[in-house]
Amino acid sequence: MNITRRAAAKTFLATVGGGVIFGRNRPASAAESRNAPEENIKTQVCVIGGGSGGTGAALAAARAGAKVVLLERESILGGTGTCAWVCVWRPVMGANGIPRNIYMAMKEDPLGASGTDYALSGMAGRAKDGKWLPTKPSLVYEPRAFDYAAREMLEATGQCQTLLATTFCRARVENDTIKAVEAWFAGKRLVIKADVFIDCTADGDVCADAGCEYHMGEDPQSLYNEPSAPEQAEMSLNAMTLCYRITDTGVPQKPYLPKGVKSGSCPLGACYDKMPNGDVVVNAVSMIKGNAVLCMEYSRLMREAQRRVHAHFHAIQTQTSGKTQWNTWTISGIAPRIGVRETRRILGDYVLTENDCRAGLAKQSHKDVIAIADHAIDLHGHRGRFYRLDGPYGIPYRCLLPKGVRNLMIASRAASFSHIAASSCRLQRTMMTLGQAAGNAAALAIKHHVDPRRIDVAELQVRLQSQGVDITALASHS
């Protein structure tokens, strides 16, 4: 489904709840915003969103010598990985730049990360006989360890100003150029002017506010000729999850189901990841239908998700065949945010599709590949499916260039991907690598006094490879 903010803002936002569509906090009223104290900040690169992509973008641009301002709405960096407790990196090829740097720093912190060798975490492919090789291990980390490592690296550059608890409000656009973005902090309006802006919000908020076209939900087969796409597309988003943490008390625990919580209200399917200290983080992968983010106010959505956490844990204690495994365990914490897998997808100069994922590097003709990935197609919820790929595929630089705005890039799960392709490349380390590409591209644009579209992509690729980023299958298999 194609949507432009300028054409549909009044009807669409009124239908789904205006500024809280994706749980964003905005000024209470237009009058309050106009009358708030204003502070102006000037920089070269402004990165909006401090999740995986934003961390990679800000660090890469700052390391390249650009002056950077990083805005993050939470009080901790890392996005879904730290605030939604999806604190595990699934196996994937190609993420050998900044993600490796951060993981090695986290390992220095006692119990900060699993002791797994980073080189072992690439996704397994098929052997010559067609059989799948054993799956490689995931990398698990404590949210606090990621935030500390990322903040230390950013501060070490001496080039990045990180503004936490700062919420993006709107973009000031003139013709095809963003002149500034406005952000909200503690009753104060910040106006950040920059040469290049990088949208690293999970939902593509900056791009949407600047008037860029975006897609939501499924894509019809007629749009990209994807073999798995339906003939009739629906507004169907990937399922969401509120992760929770359990700990072993060592003594039998009485199963607990709070009053008002319906038994069996949460599907049993889940991933269980053992933390460095022995706790387990539980990710009930299809806990809530994805479309709920479009029609429920966030506090109600969060409350319902909390109920389903209790329903899920009660079920695995009492209904599963291995229930004795959890009879001494108890819930020790619930993530402060829901893990959202999909909302907007911004239309860029190129849209990565299922055809790219299936073709792989050997059959792709792109000359501007700036990252590779090989995770399975992994759709949750309605028409869910999971299938592995034969090898890594390339992600073109053009996927980071939203149409219609000359000094804006995007590096998040909202980048220019189809519904199906996004389910493969949305993993944290891939997003961080896309951020690393965007940050380097921004620095090159500033260095050569050109727009991001006019940089020498070959120069960008050389720079990325010198930083450890894999853009060829050969490098990833080593």
Protein backbone atom coordinates (compact mmCIF):
# COMPACT_ATOMS: atom_id res chain seq x y z
CA MET A 1 0.00 0.00 0.00
CA ASN A 2 1.48 3.34 -1.08
CA ILE A 3 1.05 6.33 1.22
CA THR A 4 2.34 9.90 1.20
CA ARG A 5 2.11 11.94 4.35
CA ARG A 6 1.23 15.13 2.54
CA ALA A 7 -1.69 13.48 0.76
CA ALA A 8 -3.06 11.38 3.59
CA ALA A 9 -1.98 12.96 6.87
CA LYS A 10 -5.37 14.35 7.90
CA THR A 11 -7.44 11.25 7.27
CA PHE A 12 -4.86 8.58 8.10
CA LEU A 13 -3.52 10.10 11.31
CA ALA A 14 -6.99 11.01 12.52
CA THR A 15 -8.04 7.40 12.02
CA VAL A 16 -5.15 5.84 13.93
CA GLY A 17 -4.55 8.37 16.64
CA GLY A 18 -2.29 11.13 15.31
CA GLY A 19 1.12 11.48 16.89
CA VAL A 20 0.83 8.30 18.98
CA ILE A 21 0.52 6.00 15.98
CA PHE A 22 3.77 4.27 16.84
CA GLY A 23 4.03 5.25 20.48
CA ARG A 24 5.89 8.48 19.86
CA ASN A 25 5.72 11.30 22.40
CA ARG A 26 5.02 14.69 20.86
CA PRO A 27 4.30 18.14 22.35
CA ALA A 28 0.93 18.32 24.07
CA SER A 29 -0.40 20.99 21.72
CA ALA A 30 0.59 23.28 18.89
CA ALA A 31 0.35 26.26 21.22
CA GLU A 32 2.66 24.64 23.75
CA SER A 33 5.17 23.92 21.00
CA ARG A 34 5.08 27.48 19.66
CA ASN A 35 5.51 29.04 23.08
CA ALA A 36 8.28 26.73 24.28
CA PRO A 37 11.83 28.03 24.67
CA GLU A 38 13.84 27.38 21.52
CA GLU A 39 17.49 26.36 21.31
CA ASN A 40 19.36 26.22 18.00
CA ILE A 41 22.10 23.68 17.28
CA LYS A 42 24.29 23.63 14.15
CA THR A 43 26.13 20.53 13.01
CA GLN A 44 27.22 18.75 9.83
CA VAL A 45 25.37 15.45 10.28
CA CYS A 46 22.20 14.94 12.29
CA VAL A 47 21.26 11.35 13.07
CA ILE A 48 17.70 10.89 14.32
CA GLY A 49 17.22 7.68 16.29
CA GLY A 50 19.85 5.92 18.39
CA GLY A 51 18.94 2.30 17.74
CA SER A 52 21.11 -0.12 15.80
CA GLY A 53 21.18 1.93 12.59
CA GLY A 54 21.60 5.23 14.40
CA THR A 55 24.46 3.95 16.54
CA GLY A 56 26.26 2.73 13.43
CA ALA A 57 25.57 5.93 11.49
CA ALA A 58 26.63 8.34 14.22
CA LEU A 59 29.78 6.39 15.07
CA ALA A 60 30.83 6.01 11.42
CA ALA A 61 30.27 9.68 10.57
CA ALA A 62 32.06 10.87 13.72
CA ARG A 63 35.00 8.54 13.16
CA ALA A 64 35.25 9.95 9.64
CA GLY A 65 35.69 13.42 11.09
CA ALA A 66 32.21 14.89 10.64
CA LYS A 67 30.52 16.84 13.42
CA VAL A 68 27.51 14.80 14.50
CA VAL A 69 24.41 15.31 16.64
CA LEU A 70 22.59 12.11 17.60
CA LEU A 71 18.99 12.33 18.84
CA GLU A 72 17.40 9.46 20.78
CA ARG A 73 13.97 9.48 22.42
CA GLU A 74 14.92 6.93 25.10
CA SER A 75 17.48 7.31 27.89
CA ILE A 76 19.58 4.48 26.50
CA LEU A 77 21.02 3.69 23.06
CA GLY A 78 20.25 0.48 21.20
CA GLY A 79 16.58 0.72 20.28
CA THR A 80 14.78 -2.61 20.16
CA GLY A 81 17.92 -4.44 21.32
CA THR A 82 18.07 -2.60 24.62
CA CYS A 83 14.63 -1.10 25.26
CA ALA A 84 12.58 -4.06 23.99
CA TRP A 85 15.09 -6.64 25.30
CA VAL A 86 15.67 -8.28 21.92
CA CYS A 87 19.25 -8.45 23.20
CA VAL A 88 20.43 -11.25 20.94
CA TRP A 89 22.13 -11.10 17.57
CA ARG A 90 20.99 -13.97 15.36
CA PRO A 91 23.53 -15.44 12.95
CA VAL A 92 24.02 -13.36 9.84
CA MET A 93 26.85 -12.81 7.37
CA GLY A 94 28.46 -9.49 6.62
CA ALA A 95 28.34 -7.69 9.97
CA ASN A 96 32.07 -7.43 10.64
CA GLY A 97 32.47 -3.68 11.08
CA ILE A 98 31.00 -1.64 13.92
CA PRO A 99 28.92 -4.57 15.27
CA ARG A 100 32.13 -6.52 15.85
CA ASN A 101 33.72 -3.46 17.52
CA ILE A 102 30.80 -3.13 19.93
CA TYR A 103 30.61 -6.85 20.69
CA MET A 104 34.31 -7.00 21.55
CA ALA A 105 33.84 -4.04 23.89
CA MET A 106 30.82 -5.69 25.53
CA LYS A 107 32.83 -8.86 26.14
CA GLU A 108 35.25 -6.88 28.31
CA ASP A 109 32.38 -6.23 30.74
CA PRO A 110 31.96 -9.21 33.13
CA LEU A 111 28.67 -10.87 32.15
CA GLY A 112 28.18 -8.14 29.54
CA ALA A 113 27.99 -10.56 26.61
CA SER A 114 28.21 -14.24 25.84
CA GLY A 115 31.69 -15.61 25.42
CA THR A 116 31.00 -16.83 21.90
CA ASP A 117 33.68 -16.15 19.31
CA TYR A 118 32.30 -13.44 17.03
CA ALA A 119 33.65 -15.19 13.94
CA LEU A 120 31.35 -18.17 14.63
CA SER A 121 28.16 -16.13 14.39
CA GLY A 122 27.79 -16.05 10.60
CA MET A 123 24.76 -17.84 9.16
CA ALA A 124 25.42 -21.34 7.85
CA GLY A 125 24.79 -22.01 4.17
CA ARG A 126 24.27 -25.12 2.13
CA ALA A 127 27.03 -27.62 1.52
CA LYS A 128 27.82 -28.84 -1.99
CA ASP A 129 25.48 -31.81 -1.54
CA GLY A 130 22.59 -29.41 -0.91
CA LYS A 131 22.26 -30.17 2.79
CA TRP A 132 22.16 -27.36 5.32
CA LEU A 133 25.21 -26.92 7.50
CA PRO A 134 24.66 -26.62 11.26
CA THR A 135 23.30 -23.27 12.40
CA LYS A 136 25.89 -21.02 13.98
CA PRO A 137 25.44 -19.62 17.51
CA SER A 138 23.65 -16.39 18.38
CA LEU A 139 25.37 -13.63 20.34
CA VAL A 140 23.61 -12.56 23.55
CA TYR A 141 24.34 -9.38 25.50
CA GLU A 142 23.09 -7.29 28.41
CA PRO A 143 21.30 -4.07 27.32
CA ARG A 144 23.40 -2.02 29.75
CA ALA A 145 26.59 -3.36 28.17
CA PHE A 146 25.56 -2.28 24.68
CA ASP A 147 24.62 1.22 25.81
CA TYR A 148 27.87 1.70 27.72
CA ALA A 149 30.07 0.39 24.90
CA ALA A 150 28.31 2.50 22.27
CA ARG A 151 28.45 5.65 24.40
CA GLU A 152 32.16 5.14 25.10
CA MET A 153 32.94 4.75 21.41
CA LEU A 154 30.92 7.82 20.46
CA GLU A 155 32.56 9.95 23.14
CA ALA A 156 36.00 8.72 22.09
CA THR A 157 35.55 10.33 18.66
CA GLY A 158 35.24 13.79 20.20
CA GLN A 159 32.90 14.59 17.29
CA CYS A 160 29.46 13.45 18.45
CA GLN A 161 26.95 15.18 20.72
CA THR A 162 24.42 12.60 21.95
CA LEU A 163 21.05 13.96 23.10
CA LEU A 164 19.02 11.35 24.99
CA ALA A 165 15.36 11.60 26.04
CA THR A 166 14.92 13.86 22.99
CA THR A 167 11.96 13.18 20.71
CA PHE A 168 11.85 14.12 17.03
CA CYS A 169 8.86 16.37 16.26
CA ARG A 170 9.04 17.57 12.68
CA ALA A 171 11.24 18.37 9.71
CA ARG A 172 11.56 21.87 8.27
CA VAL A 173 11.56 21.30 4.53
CA GLU A 174 12.14 23.84 1.74
CA ASN A 175 11.57 22.47 -1.74
CA ASP A 176 13.61 19.22 -1.77
CA THR A 177 15.89 20.03 1.16
CA ILE A 178 15.59 19.57 4.92
CA LYS A 179 16.86 22.74 6.53
CA ALA A 180 16.41 21.61 10.14
CA VAL A 181 14.59 19.18 12.37
CA GLU A 182 12.73 20.09 15.54
CA ALA A 183 12.99 17.93 18.64
CA TRP A 184 11.37 18.07 22.07
CA PHE A 185 13.23 17.83 25.36
CA ALA A 186 11.90 18.66 28.85
CA GLY A 187 9.62 21.45 27.70
CA LYS A 188 12.21 22.88 25.34
CA ARG A 189 12.15 22.88 21.55
CA LEU A 190 15.47 22.11 19.91
CA VAL A 191 16.11 23.16 16.30
CA ILE A 192 18.98 21.20 14.76
CA LYS A 193 20.38 22.49 11.49
CA ALA A 194 22.67 20.22 9.48
CA ASP A 195 24.04 19.58 6.01
CA VAL A 196 22.98 15.91 5.98
CA PHE A 197 20.23 14.16 7.93
CA ILE A 198 20.04 10.41 8.53
CA ASP A 199 16.67 8.99 9.54
CA CYS A 200 17.38 6.06 11.84
CA THR A 201 13.97 5.97 13.48
CA ALA A 202 12.41 2.53 13.32
CA ASP A 203 9.29 3.92 11.67
CA GLY A 204 10.89 6.33 9.18
CA ASP A 205 9.41 9.31 11.03
CA VAL A 206 11.68 11.94 9.49
CA CYS A 207 11.12 10.71 5.94
CA ALA A 208 7.36 10.55 6.42
CA ASP A 209 7.25 14.04 7.94
CA ALA A 210 9.35 15.37 5.05
CA GLY A 211 6.72 14.10 2.61
CA CYS A 212 8.45 10.96 1.32
CA GLU A 213 6.26 8.20 -0.04
CA TYR A 214 6.10 5.05 2.02
CA HIS A 215 4.56 1.59 1.95
CA MET A 216 2.88 -0.37 4.73
CA GLY A 217 1.74 -3.97 4.87
CA GLU A 218 1.99 -6.52 2.12
CA ASP A 219 2.99 -5.78 -1.46
CA PRO A 220 0.92 -7.30 -4.29
CA GLN A 221 2.72 -9.70 -6.58
CA SER A 222 2.16 -7.32 -9.47
CA LEU A 223 4.33 -4.62 -7.83
CA TYR A 224 7.70 -6.40 -7.64
CA ASN A 225 6.94 -9.81 -9.15
CA GLU A 226 7.97 -11.55 -5.92
CA PRO A 227 7.19 -15.30 -6.01
CA SER A 228 5.86 -15.38 -2.43
CA ALA A 229 3.82 -12.17 -2.58
CA PRO A 230 0.01 -12.49 -2.61
CA GLU A 231 -2.01 -11.43 -5.62
CA GLN A 232 -4.20 -9.31 -3.36
CA ALA A 233 -2.15 -7.43 -0.76
CA GLU A 234 -3.52 -6.69 2.69
CA MET A 235 -2.60 -4.18 5.38
CA SER A 236 -0.97 -6.93 7.41
CA LEU A 237 2.08 -6.16 9.57
CA ASN A 238 4.44 -8.61 11.23
CA ALA A 239 3.44 -9.71 14.72
CA MET A 240 4.85 -7.89 17.76
CA THR A 241 6.37 -9.16 21.01
CA LEU A 242 6.88 -7.92 24.53
CA CYS A 243 9.93 -9.81 25.76
CA TYR A 244 10.29 -10.83 29.37
CA ARG A 245 13.03 -12.20 31.58
CA ILE A 246 12.87 -15.20 33.89
CA THR A 247 15.24 -16.42 36.57
CA ASP A 248 15.71 -19.76 38.31
CA THR A 249 14.94 -19.49 42.04
CA GLY A 250 16.11 -23.02 42.75
CA VAL A 251 12.88 -23.90 44.58
CA PRO A 252 9.44 -24.89 43.23
CA GLN A 253 7.22 -21.94 42.32
CA LYS A 254 3.42 -21.86 42.26
CA PRO A 255 2.23 -20.91 38.74
CA TYR A 256 0.71 -17.43 38.83
CA LEU A 257 -2.02 -16.07 36.58
CA PRO A 258 -3.19 -12.57 37.62
CA LYS A 259 -6.90 -11.85 37.86
CA GLY A 260 -8.33 -10.73 34.56
CA VAL A 261 -5.69 -12.51 32.48
CA LYS A 262 -7.18 -15.09 30.17
CA SER A 263 -5.42 -18.45 30.14
CA GLY A 264 -4.19 -19.37 26.67
CA SER A 265 -4.41 -15.81 25.35
CA CYS A 266 -0.82 -15.90 24.06
CA PRO A 267 0.55 -18.34 21.44
CA LEU A 268 3.14 -20.71 22.93
CA GLY A 269 5.80 -20.37 20.22
CA ALA A 270 8.86 -18.59 21.59
CA CYS A 271 12.61 -18.17 21.46
CA TYR A 272 14.51 -18.70 24.71
CA ASP A 273 17.91 -17.04 24.98
CA LYS A 274 20.18 -17.65 27.94
CA MET A 275 21.75 -14.48 29.27
CA PRO A 276 25.37 -14.31 30.46
CA ASN A 277 24.23 -14.42 34.12
CA GLY A 278 22.03 -17.50 33.60
CA ASP A 279 18.65 -15.74 33.25
CA VAL A 280 16.55 -16.45 30.17
CA VAL A 281 14.93 -13.84 27.94
CA VAL A 282 11.68 -15.12 26.41
CA ASN A 283 10.48 -13.82 23.05
CA ALA A 284 6.96 -15.09 22.31
CA VAL A 285 7.32 -14.39 18.62
CA SER A 286 3.63 -13.98 17.63
CA MET A 287 2.32 -12.49 20.87
CA ILE A 288 0.28 -9.63 19.33
CA LYS A 289 -0.96 -9.02 15.80
CA GLY A 290 1.12 -6.37 14.09
CA ASN A 291 -1.86 -4.27 13.04
CA ALA A 292 -2.58 -3.48 16.69
CA VAL A 293 0.11 -0.77 16.51
CA LEU A 294 -2.11 1.09 14.03
CA CYS A 295 -5.32 1.10 16.03
CA MET A 296 -4.46 0.95 19.74
CA GLU A 297 -3.15 3.75 21.92
CA TYR A 298 0.31 2.68 23.09
CA SER A 299 -0.43 2.48 26.82
CA ARG A 300 -3.39 0.17 26.14
CA LEU A 301 -1.27 -1.91 23.80
CA MET A 302 1.48 -2.18 26.40
CA ARG A 303 -1.00 -3.21 29.07
CA GLU A 304 -2.45 -5.95 26.89
CA ALA A 305 1.06 -7.17 26.08
CA GLN A 306 1.90 -7.38 29.80
CA ARG A 307 -1.17 -9.55 30.35
CA ARG A 308 -0.03 -11.85 27.57
CA VAL A 309 3.42 -12.13 29.15
CA HIS A 310 1.77 -13.57 32.26
CA ALA A 311 -0.45 -15.81 30.15
CA HIS A 312 2.55 -17.09 28.23
CA PHE A 313 4.69 -17.88 31.25
CA HIS A 314 1.76 -19.54 33.03
CA ALA A 315 1.20 -21.69 29.96
CA ILE A 316 4.79 -22.87 29.65
CA GLN A 317 4.77 -23.74 33.35
CA THR A 318 1.52 -25.69 33.23
CA GLN A 319 0.62 -26.73 29.69
CA THR A 320 3.78 -27.64 27.79
CA SER A 321 5.26 -31.11 27.70
CA GLY A 322 8.49 -29.79 29.24
CA LYS A 323 6.70 -27.84 31.98
CA THR A 324 8.92 -29.31 34.73
CA GLN A 325 11.79 -27.39 33.11
CA TRP A 326 10.30 -24.12 34.39
CA ASN A 327 8.80 -25.16 37.74
CA THR A 328 11.49 -23.33 39.74
CA TRP A 329 11.57 -20.24 37.53
CA THR A 330 9.81 -16.90 37.94
CA ILE A 331 9.37 -13.70 35.94
CA SER A 332 12.07 -11.27 37.01
CA GLY A 333 11.34 -8.46 34.56
CA ILE A 334 9.33 -7.27 31.56
CA ALA A 335 10.83 -5.13 28.81
CA PRO A 336 9.90 -1.43 28.92
CA ARG A 337 8.93 -1.38 25.24
CA ILE A 338 7.18 -3.70 22.81
CA GLY A 339 9.33 -5.15 20.05
CA VAL A 340 7.77 -3.93 16.78
CA ARG A 341 8.98 -5.72 13.66
CA GLU A 342 7.36 -3.62 10.95
CA THR A 343 5.60 -0.33 10.27
CA ARG A 344 6.47 2.06 7.43
CA ARG A 345 8.89 1.24 4.62
CA ILE A 346 10.17 4.34 2.82
CA LEU A 347 10.31 4.30 -0.97
CA GLY A 348 13.91 4.85 -2.06
CA ASP A 349 15.83 4.97 -5.31
CA TYR A 350 15.83 1.17 -5.26
CA VAL A 351 13.57 -1.28 -3.41
CA LEU A 352 15.20 -4.48 -2.17
CA THR A 353 12.86 -7.40 -2.91
CA GLU A 354 12.51 -11.11 -2.37
CA ASN A 355 14.04 -11.56 -5.82
CA ASP A 356 17.28 -10.01 -4.55
CA CYS A 357 17.25 -12.24 -1.48
CA ARG A 358 16.73 -15.39 -3.54
CA ALA A 359 19.18 -14.43 -6.31
CA GLY A 360 22.13 -13.79 -4.01
CA LEU A 361 25.28 -11.91 -4.89
CA ALA A 362 26.13 -14.20 -7.78
CA LYS A 363 23.01 -13.22 -9.72
CA GLN A 364 22.61 -9.63 -8.63
CA SER A 365 23.91 -6.93 -10.95
CA HIS A 366 24.07 -4.03 -8.47
CA LYS A 367 27.28 -2.01 -8.56
CA ASP A 368 26.50 -0.15 -5.32
CA VAL A 369 26.31 -2.96 -2.74
CA ILE A 370 27.28 -1.58 0.67
CA ALA A 371 26.23 -4.50 2.90
CA ILE A 372 25.39 -8.17 2.64
CA ALA A 373 23.00 -10.36 4.60
CA ASP A 374 21.72 -13.92 4.45
CA HIS A 375 19.15 -14.36 7.19
CA ALA A 376 16.06 -16.33 6.28
CA ILE A 377 12.82 -14.81 5.06
CA ASP A 378 11.02 -14.65 8.40
CA LEU A 379 7.44 -13.35 8.47
CA HIS A 380 5.44 -13.59 11.69
CA GLY A 381 1.70 -13.71 12.12
CA HIS A 382 -0.76 -13.61 9.22
CA ARG A 383 0.59 -15.56 6.23
CA GLY A 384 3.75 -16.15 8.22
CA ARG A 385 6.55 -18.11 6.64
CA PHE A 386 10.17 -18.99 7.26
CA TYR A 387 12.59 -20.23 4.62
CA ARG A 388 16.33 -20.16 4.39
CA LEU A 389 18.30 -18.62 1.57
CA ASP A 390 21.05 -20.27 -0.42
CA GLY A 391 23.62 -17.64 0.45
CA PRO A 392 24.24 -13.94 1.02
CA TYR A 393 22.68 -11.19 -1.04
CA GLY A 394 23.73 -7.58 -1.46
CA ILE A 395 21.91 -4.47 -0.25
CA PRO A 396 22.40 -1.50 -2.62
CA TYR A 397 23.28 1.97 -1.40
CA ARG A 398 20.20 3.25 -3.26
CA CYS A 399 18.00 1.60 -0.60
CA LEU A 400 19.26 4.28 1.80
CA LEU A 401 18.23 7.21 -0.43
CA PRO A 402 14.57 8.28 0.01
CA LYS A 403 13.02 9.74 -3.09
CA GLY A 404 12.19 13.41 -3.08
CA VAL A 405 14.65 14.81 -0.53
CA ARG A 406 18.24 15.46 -1.57
CA ASN A 407 20.05 15.66 1.81
CA LEU A 408 18.30 12.82 3.63
CA MET A 409 19.26 9.16 4.06
CA ILE A 410 17.59 6.35 5.95
CA ALA A 411 19.22 3.47 7.84
CA SER A 412 16.68 1.45 9.78
CA ARG A 413 14.12 -1.29 9.22
CA ALA A 414 12.06 1.42 7.50
CA ALA A 415 14.56 1.69 4.62
CA SER A 416 13.58 0.89 1.04
CA PHE A 417 12.66 -2.80 1.29
CA SER A 418 9.65 -4.79 0.22
CA HIS A 419 7.49 -6.38 2.93
CA ILE A 420 9.09 -9.77 2.28
CA ALA A 421 12.71 -8.61 1.94
CA ALA A 422 12.43 -6.53 5.12
CA SER A 423 11.70 -9.70 7.08
CA SER A 424 15.17 -10.96 6.16
CA CYS A 425 17.36 -7.88 6.48
CA ARG A 426 15.81 -6.18 9.55
CA LEU A 427 18.21 -7.84 12.01
CA GLN A 428 20.13 -5.53 14.33
CA ARG A 429 23.63 -6.15 13.01
CA THR A 430 22.54 -5.64 9.41
CA MET A 431 20.84 -2.38 10.42
CA MET A 432 24.02 -1.31 12.19
CA THR A 433 26.01 -2.04 9.04
CA LEU A 434 23.59 0.01 6.94
CA GLY A 435 24.07 2.79 9.47
CA GLN A 436 27.83 2.47 9.08
CA ALA A 437 27.39 2.89 5.32
CA ALA A 438 25.10 5.91 5.73
CA GLY A 439 27.44 7.58 8.23
CA ASN A 440 30.42 7.17 5.94
CA ALA A 441 28.40 8.39 2.97
CA ALA A 442 27.37 11.50 4.90
CA ALA A 443 30.99 12.22 5.77
CA LEU A 444 31.99 11.84 2.10
CA ALA A 445 29.16 14.14 1.02
CA ILE A 446 30.39 16.81 3.40
CA LYS A 447 34.03 16.31 2.42
CA HIS A 448 33.29 16.70 -1.30
CA HIS A 449 30.50 19.29 -0.92
CA VAL A 450 27.93 17.16 -2.72
CA ASP A 451 24.59 15.55 -1.93
CA PRO A 452 24.60 11.92 -0.71
CA ARG A 453 23.33 10.82 -4.14
CA ARG A 454 26.40 12.29 -5.83
CA ILE A 455 29.15 10.67 -3.79
CA ASP A 456 31.52 8.21 -5.42
CA VAL A 457 30.05 4.87 -4.32
CA ALA A 458 33.29 3.09 -5.19
CA GLU A 459 35.08 5.36 -2.69
CA LEU A 460 32.41 4.51 -0.11
CA GLN A 461 32.85 0.78 -0.72
CA VAL A 462 36.62 1.00 -0.32
CA ARG A 463 36.19 2.90 2.92
CA LEU A 464 33.70 0.35 4.26
CA GLN A 465 35.96 -2.59 3.41
CA SER A 466 38.86 -0.89 5.15
CA GLN A 467 36.65 -0.79 8.26
CA GLY A 468 35.95 -4.51 8.12
CA VAL A 469 32.56 -4.39 6.40
CA ASP A 470 31.99 -7.37 4.13
CA ILE A 471 30.42 -6.63 0.78
CA THR A 472 31.42 -9.86 -0.94
CA ALA A 473 30.49 -13.46 -0.14
CA LEU A 474 34.18 -14.45 -0.11
CA ALA A 475 34.96 -12.11 2.77
CA SER A 476 31.96 -13.37 4.74
CA HIS A 477 32.91 -17.03 4.45
CA SER A 478 36.43 -16.45 5.73
